[in-house]
Amino acid sequence: MTGRAEFTFFHEHRVRWAEVDPQAIVFNANYFVFVDHAATEYFRAVGMMWDDTLKAGFDFFTVNANCNFRSPARLDELIQIGFRCKRFGTSSVDYVFGIFRGDELLADGTMTYVCADVETRRPIPLPDHYTSRILAFERHPIETKQAA
């Protein structure tokens, strides 16, 4: 199980009307939208926004995403999305997330991205300046496995 202490970075979000379904809970696909917002703010905090990576000649593509739904979020609740780097591969990087209401874990999961050349869209090794910024930001150990 994922706990708040496992994250260096949090992004807060208030659940909006458009994000709930007829059951009056957040529609499941919206959890990935929340994580996407948190990922953007994480990279802003790291100092490596997407336009920076594109200018440097690399981009990232999502190759896997999963989410474990544990308890629903509801309209107008403040939730916090924890996001952190877990593993560097040769060309892939795994991130983990946890969505919380206070200390209660609502959902958790992983996102795997592959680093690719901007022109060819083919996998390339993770650039050193990318990994070094994340290593400098994170306070949790990051696994390194040489597998894409």
Protein backbone atom coordinates (compact mmCIF):
# COMPACT_ATOMS: atom_id res chain seq x y z
CA MET A 1 0.00 0.00 0.00
CA THR A 2 1.16 3.51 -0.82
CA GLY A 3 1.54 6.15 1.90
CA ARG A 4 2.00 9.91 1.78
CA ALA A 5 5.56 9.63 3.13
CA GLU A 6 6.59 7.87 -0.10
CA PHE A 7 6.26 11.10 -2.09
CA THR A 8 8.45 14.17 -2.44
CA PHE A 9 5.90 16.04 -4.55
CA PHE A 10 2.15 16.69 -4.22
CA HIS A 11 -0.31 18.55 -6.40
CA GLU A 12 -3.65 19.58 -4.85
CA HIS A 13 -6.90 19.44 -6.79
CA ARG A 14 -10.52 20.27 -5.91
CA VAL A 15 -12.97 17.83 -7.53
CA ARG A 16 -15.21 19.63 -10.00
CA TRP A 17 -18.77 18.90 -11.13
CA ALA A 18 -17.64 17.74 -14.59
CA GLU A 19 -15.39 15.08 -13.00
CA VAL A 20 -18.11 13.12 -11.20
CA ASP A 21 -20.47 10.56 -12.68
CA PRO A 22 -24.15 9.71 -11.96
CA GLN A 23 -22.96 7.77 -8.89
CA ALA A 24 -21.79 11.15 -7.49
CA ILE A 25 -18.15 9.97 -7.38
CA VAL A 26 -15.17 10.81 -9.59
CA PHE A 27 -15.43 8.93 -12.88
CA ASN A 28 -12.54 6.44 -13.04
CA ALA A 29 -10.85 7.84 -16.18
CA ASN A 30 -10.51 11.23 -14.47
CA TYR A 31 -7.96 9.82 -12.04
CA PHE A 32 -5.51 9.64 -14.97
CA VAL A 33 -6.32 13.28 -15.80
CA PHE A 34 -5.46 14.18 -12.19
CA VAL A 35 -2.18 12.27 -12.49
CA ASP A 36 -1.39 14.03 -15.77
CA HIS A 37 -1.87 17.41 -14.06
CA ALA A 38 0.37 16.30 -11.20
CA ALA A 39 3.03 15.07 -13.65
CA THR A 40 3.07 18.46 -15.37
CA GLU A 41 3.52 20.26 -12.06
CA TYR A 42 6.17 17.73 -10.98
CA PHE A 43 8.21 18.47 -14.11
CA ARG A 44 7.71 22.20 -13.56
CA ALA A 45 9.14 21.76 -10.03
CA VAL A 46 12.05 19.67 -11.38
CA GLY A 47 12.77 22.35 -14.00
CA MET A 48 12.27 20.06 -16.97
CA MET A 49 9.05 21.00 -18.77
CA TRP A 50 8.02 19.28 -22.00
CA ASP A 51 9.10 22.20 -24.19
CA ASP A 52 12.60 21.90 -22.64
CA THR A 53 12.81 18.23 -23.60
CA LEU A 54 11.55 18.90 -27.12
CA LYS A 55 14.18 21.63 -27.62
CA ALA A 56 16.81 19.16 -26.39
CA GLY A 57 15.65 16.62 -29.01
CA PHE A 58 13.75 14.10 -26.91
CA ASP A 59 10.17 13.40 -25.91
CA PHE A 60 8.28 10.87 -23.80
CA PHE A 61 5.46 8.51 -24.73
CA THR A 62 3.24 6.66 -22.28
CA VAL A 63 3.53 2.91 -22.77
CA ASN A 64 1.77 1.67 -19.64
CA ALA A 65 -0.61 3.09 -17.07
CA ASN A 66 -2.42 1.36 -14.26
CA CYS A 67 -4.52 2.44 -11.33
CA ASN A 68 -5.82 0.69 -8.24
CA PHE A 69 -9.08 2.28 -7.10
CA ARG A 70 -9.47 2.04 -3.32
CA SER A 71 -12.03 4.64 -2.25
CA PRO A 72 -13.95 7.23 -4.28
CA ALA A 73 -13.39 10.96 -4.32
CA ARG A 74 -16.50 13.15 -4.39
CA LEU A 75 -17.59 16.54 -5.62
CA ASP A 76 -15.81 19.53 -4.05
CA GLU A 77 -13.33 17.44 -2.06
CA LEU A 78 -9.71 18.53 -1.93
CA ILE A 79 -7.45 15.71 -2.99
CA GLN A 80 -3.67 15.54 -3.19
CA ILE A 81 -1.86 13.67 -5.93
CA GLY A 82 1.59 12.40 -4.95
CA PHE A 83 3.93 11.75 -7.88
CA ARG A 84 7.51 10.48 -7.94
CA CYS A 85 10.08 8.70 -10.01
CA LYS A 86 10.56 5.06 -9.08
CA ARG A 87 12.87 3.56 -11.73
CA PHE A 88 15.16 4.49 -14.59
CA GLY A 89 15.65 1.92 -17.33
CA THR A 90 17.76 2.37 -20.43
CA SER A 91 15.09 4.33 -22.30
CA SER A 92 12.12 3.97 -19.97
CA VAL A 93 11.17 5.59 -16.69
CA ASP A 94 8.56 4.46 -14.17
CA TYR A 95 6.63 6.89 -12.01
CA VAL A 96 4.33 6.01 -9.14
CA PHE A 97 1.38 8.03 -7.91
CA GLY A 98 -0.94 8.08 -4.95
CA ILE A 99 -4.16 10.07 -4.71
CA PHE A 100 -5.12 11.05 -1.18
CA ARG A 101 -7.89 12.73 0.75
CA GLY A 102 -5.91 13.79 3.79
CA ASP A 103 -4.11 10.61 4.84
CA GLU A 104 -6.64 8.29 3.18
CA LEU A 105 -5.36 6.60 0.03
CA LEU A 106 -8.02 6.82 -2.69
CA ALA A 107 -6.05 5.41 -5.63
CA ASP A 108 -2.51 4.47 -6.57
CA GLY A 109 -0.67 3.17 -9.57
CA THR A 110 2.17 3.52 -12.02
CA MET A 111 2.95 5.27 -15.28
CA THR A 112 5.72 4.08 -17.61
CA TYR A 113 7.12 6.41 -20.24
CA VAL A 114 9.66 5.71 -22.97
CA CYS A 115 12.13 8.38 -24.03
CA ALA A 116 12.26 8.85 -27.79
CA ASP A 117 14.07 10.94 -30.37
CA VAL A 118 11.84 13.86 -31.43
CA GLU A 119 12.42 13.26 -35.14
CA THR A 120 12.32 9.47 -35.41
CA ARG A 121 10.10 8.73 -32.41
CA ARG A 122 12.32 5.72 -31.73
CA PRO A 123 13.53 4.92 -28.20
CA ILE A 124 16.78 6.51 -27.06
CA PRO A 125 18.69 6.29 -23.76
CA LEU A 126 17.50 8.62 -21.03
CA PRO A 127 19.56 11.82 -21.24
CA ASP A 128 21.89 12.47 -18.30
CA HIS A 129 20.58 16.00 -17.72
CA TYR A 130 17.05 14.58 -17.40
CA THR A 131 17.97 11.89 -14.88
CA SER A 132 20.31 14.18 -12.93
CA ARG A 133 17.56 16.77 -12.36
CA ILE A 134 15.18 14.13 -11.09
CA LEU A 135 17.83 12.59 -8.84
CA ALA A 136 18.57 16.04 -7.39
CA PHE A 137 14.85 16.65 -6.73
CA GLU A 138 13.73 13.30 -5.28
CA ARG A 139 14.39 12.40 -1.66
CA HIS A 140 13.56 8.72 -2.22
CA PRO A 141 15.88 6.17 -3.84
CA ILE A 142 15.36 5.53 -7.54
CA GLU A 143 15.96 2.05 -8.93
CA THR A 144 18.12 1.77 -12.00
CA LYS A 145 17.62 -1.20 -14.26
CA GLN A 146 19.14 -1.34 -17.67
CA ALA A 147 16.03 -2.49 -19.53
CA ALA A 148 13.79 -0.47 -21.83
